[in-house]
Protein backbone atom coordinates (compact mmCIF):
# COMPACT_ATOMS: atom_id res chain seq x y z
CA MET A 1 79.47 159.65 1.30
CA PRO A 2 82.76 158.07 2.33
CA ASN A 3 83.11 156.29 5.68
CA ARG A 4 84.94 158.05 8.47
CA GLU A 5 88.45 156.91 9.15
CA LYS A 6 88.03 157.43 12.91
CA PRO A 7 84.95 155.83 14.47
CA ILE A 8 82.75 157.97 16.70
CA ARG A 9 83.83 157.51 20.29
CA ARG A 10 81.09 156.55 22.74
CA LEU A 11 81.20 157.88 26.31
CA GLN A 12 81.59 155.28 29.02
CA LYS A 13 79.98 157.42 31.75
CA ALA A 14 77.31 160.03 31.61
CA LEU A 15 78.64 163.55 32.06
CA ASP A 16 76.20 164.54 34.78
CA THR A 17 77.03 161.79 37.29
CA TYR A 18 78.63 162.78 40.57
CA VAL A 19 80.76 160.47 42.65
CA GLU A 20 81.88 161.65 46.07
CA LYS A 21 85.60 161.11 46.51
CA ARG A 22 86.81 160.11 49.96
CA GLY A 23 90.49 160.76 49.64
CA ARG A 24 93.27 158.32 50.26
CA GLY A 25 93.17 154.93 51.85
CA ARG A 26 90.85 151.99 51.76
CA PRO A 27 87.14 152.52 51.24
CA GLN A 28 85.06 152.57 54.42
CA LYS A 29 83.26 149.38 55.33
CA ILE A 30 81.10 150.99 58.00
CA ARG A 31 80.20 154.53 59.04
CA PRO A 32 82.17 155.77 62.07
CA SER A 33 79.01 157.15 63.69
CA GLU A 34 77.49 153.64 63.65
CA VAL A 35 80.53 152.17 65.38
CA SER A 36 80.56 154.94 67.98
CA GLY A 37 76.84 154.62 68.69
CA ARG A 38 77.03 150.86 69.00
CA ALA A 39 80.00 151.20 71.36
CA GLU A 40 77.97 153.49 73.65
CA ASN A 41 75.10 150.97 73.65
CA TYR A 42 77.48 148.12 74.49
CA ARG A 43 79.08 150.16 77.28
CA SER A 44 75.72 150.78 78.94
CA THR A 45 74.76 147.12 78.49
CA PHE A 46 77.98 145.83 80.06
CA ARG A 47 77.60 148.27 82.97
CA LEU A 48 74.09 146.91 83.61
CA ILE A 49 75.21 143.29 83.45
CA GLY A 50 77.75 143.83 86.20
CA PRO A 51 81.12 142.55 87.34
CA LYS A 52 80.05 138.91 87.77
CA LEU A 53 79.76 138.39 84.03
CA LEU A 54 83.00 140.23 83.40
CA ALA A 55 84.87 138.01 85.86
CA ALA A 56 83.39 134.86 84.30
CA VAL A 57 84.23 136.00 80.77
CA ILE A 58 87.82 136.91 81.72
CA ALA A 59 88.27 133.48 83.32
CA ALA A 60 87.05 131.76 80.12
CA THR A 61 89.59 129.94 77.95
CA THR A 62 87.31 128.70 75.14
CA SER A 63 84.41 130.11 73.16
CA GLU A 64 82.05 127.62 74.80
CA GLU A 65 82.98 128.97 78.25
CA VAL A 66 82.21 132.52 77.07
CA ILE A 67 78.79 131.35 75.85
CA ILE A 68 78.12 129.59 79.18
CA ALA A 69 79.18 132.71 81.12
CA PHE A 70 76.74 134.88 79.18
CA GLU A 71 73.90 132.39 79.51
CA SER A 72 74.39 132.00 83.26
CA HIS A 73 75.09 135.65 84.23
CA ALA A 74 73.29 137.67 81.53
CA GLN A 75 70.50 135.57 80.07
CA ALA A 76 68.63 138.62 78.72
CA TYR A 77 71.64 139.80 76.72
CA ALA A 78 73.08 136.43 75.71
CA ARG A 79 71.24 136.36 72.38
CA GLU A 80 72.80 139.70 71.35
CA PHE A 81 76.41 138.73 72.09
CA VAL A 82 76.80 134.95 71.85
CA PRO A 83 77.53 132.78 69.91
CA ARG A 84 78.14 135.53 67.32
CA PHE A 85 80.83 137.38 69.32
CA ALA A 86 82.14 134.52 71.49
CA ALA A 87 85.40 134.04 69.54
CA ASP A 88 85.89 137.82 69.26
CA ILE A 89 85.37 138.32 73.01
CA LEU A 90 87.88 135.59 73.75
CA GLN A 91 90.42 137.19 71.40
CA ILE A 92 89.87 140.65 72.95
CA ILE A 93 90.25 139.57 76.57
CA HIS A 94 93.54 137.80 75.76
CA GLU A 95 95.09 140.84 74.08
CA PRO A 96 98.25 142.12 75.81
CA LYS A 97 96.76 145.61 76.24
CA PHE A 98 93.54 144.40 77.90
CA PRO A 99 93.07 146.68 80.95
CA LYS A 100 93.16 145.58 84.59
CA ARG A 101 90.42 147.81 86.07
CA PRO A 102 86.76 146.72 85.59
CA GLU A 103 85.49 150.04 84.17
CA ALA A 104 88.35 150.20 81.67
CA GLN A 105 87.73 146.54 80.75
CA ILE A 106 84.08 147.33 80.00
CA ASN A 107 85.05 150.28 77.80
CA PHE A 108 87.77 148.31 76.01
CA LEU A 109 85.46 145.37 75.32
CA ALA A 110 82.57 147.57 74.15
CA ASP A 111 84.75 149.66 71.83
CA SER A 112 86.39 146.54 70.41
CA LEU A 113 83.10 144.74 69.67
CA ALA A 114 81.31 147.77 68.20
CA GLY A 115 82.72 147.38 64.68
CA ARG A 116 82.55 143.60 64.44
CA PRO A 117 82.27 141.79 62.03
CA ASN A 118 83.07 144.56 59.52
CA VAL A 119 86.29 145.86 61.08
CA GLU A 120 88.93 144.44 63.38
CA PRO A 121 88.79 145.19 67.14
CA ARG A 122 91.81 147.51 67.01
CA THR A 123 90.31 149.53 64.14
CA SER A 124 87.00 149.68 65.99
CA ARG A 125 88.72 151.16 69.06
CA ASP A 126 90.50 153.71 66.86
CA ILE A 127 87.21 154.75 65.24
CA CYS A 128 85.55 155.17 68.66
CA LEU A 129 88.50 157.24 69.88
CA LYS A 130 88.28 159.59 66.88
CA GLU A 131 84.51 160.00 67.18
CA ARG A 132 84.76 160.81 70.91
CA ALA A 133 87.49 163.37 70.12
CA LYS A 134 85.17 165.00 67.56
CA GLU A 135 82.39 165.20 70.14
CA ARG A 136 84.71 166.76 72.76
CA ALA A 137 85.93 169.30 70.20
CA LYS A 138 82.43 170.62 69.58
CA SER A 139 81.50 173.77 71.42
CA PRO A 140 78.90 173.40 74.20
CA HIS A 141 77.50 176.84 73.37
CA THR A 142 74.68 177.66 70.93
CA ILE A 143 73.87 180.70 68.84
CA ILE A 144 70.90 182.57 70.28
CA ARG A 145 70.31 185.06 67.48
CA LYS A 146 71.67 185.35 63.94
CA GLU A 147 71.84 188.57 62.00
CA PHE A 148 74.93 190.34 60.76
CA TYR A 149 76.00 189.98 64.37
CA VAL A 150 75.54 186.94 66.61
CA GLU A 151 74.72 186.71 70.26
CA CYS A 152 76.13 183.50 71.73
CA SER A 153 75.47 181.74 75.04
CA CYS A 154 79.22 181.98 75.80
CA GLY A 155 78.80 185.75 76.14
CA TYR A 156 80.19 186.87 72.78
CA THR A 157 78.24 189.51 70.88
CA GLY A 158 79.59 190.63 67.55
CA PRO A 159 80.05 189.73 63.93
CA ALA A 160 79.90 186.06 62.95
CA LEU A 161 82.77 184.22 61.27
CA ASN A 162 81.74 181.47 58.83
CA ASP A 163 78.26 181.22 60.41
CA ALA A 164 79.78 180.59 63.83
CA CYS A 165 80.69 182.43 67.02
CA ARG A 166 84.16 183.98 66.80
CA LYS A 167 84.94 183.18 70.43
CA CYS A 168 83.87 179.54 70.87
CA SER A 169 83.14 178.42 67.26
CA ALA A 170 79.56 177.39 68.07
CA GLN A 171 77.75 176.75 64.79
CA ILE A 172 74.54 178.59 63.95
CA SER A 173 71.60 176.21 64.02
CA ARG A 174 69.58 176.09 60.80
CA LEU A 175 66.61 174.36 62.45
CA PRO A 176 64.52 177.51 63.17
CA GLU A 177 64.97 178.66 59.55
CA ILE A 178 64.06 175.25 58.18
CA LEU A 179 60.92 175.04 60.36
CA SER A 180 59.76 178.54 59.41
CA GLY A 181 60.60 178.04 55.73
CA ASN A 182 62.92 181.06 55.59
CA ILE A 183 66.07 179.45 54.24
CA PHE A 184 68.59 181.93 52.86
CA HIS A 185 71.66 180.58 51.11
């Protein structure tokens, strides 16, 4: 038998692999929900620590002064924030847009540190802003009963639209179906 003129082409990838495409832009370095959750934890921590630490940190001009401020005013939390975030904290408090009011300073600092070291402080604040906007956009109402018609806690009774209330867009919870084993797709 004569040899083939064209060699048999080998596939580089298997045909049954699935890769989720994200769209445009750079690939994510960290999940937005992680950044948002960490920011909420940092906010509550900074509120507990109090204004004395905040005043000492704002007065700091070097990373060593930030470390000393944490060790003297918040000994219990010093291991979590310094020396790892000392340079970042110093950079954040010297930004031109650093707020003047204490509550806003706490929020700004917490949101800025939440994505470190994976993302820059500005990107971290943007991620937190988007995640809080998503949370505010969710409906506070829940579906009480699902059939062909829904009965929602907002008062709407009628046909569902895309497994949600037509009036407030509250999503139908799948938890009762999952727990009972009656999942219909």
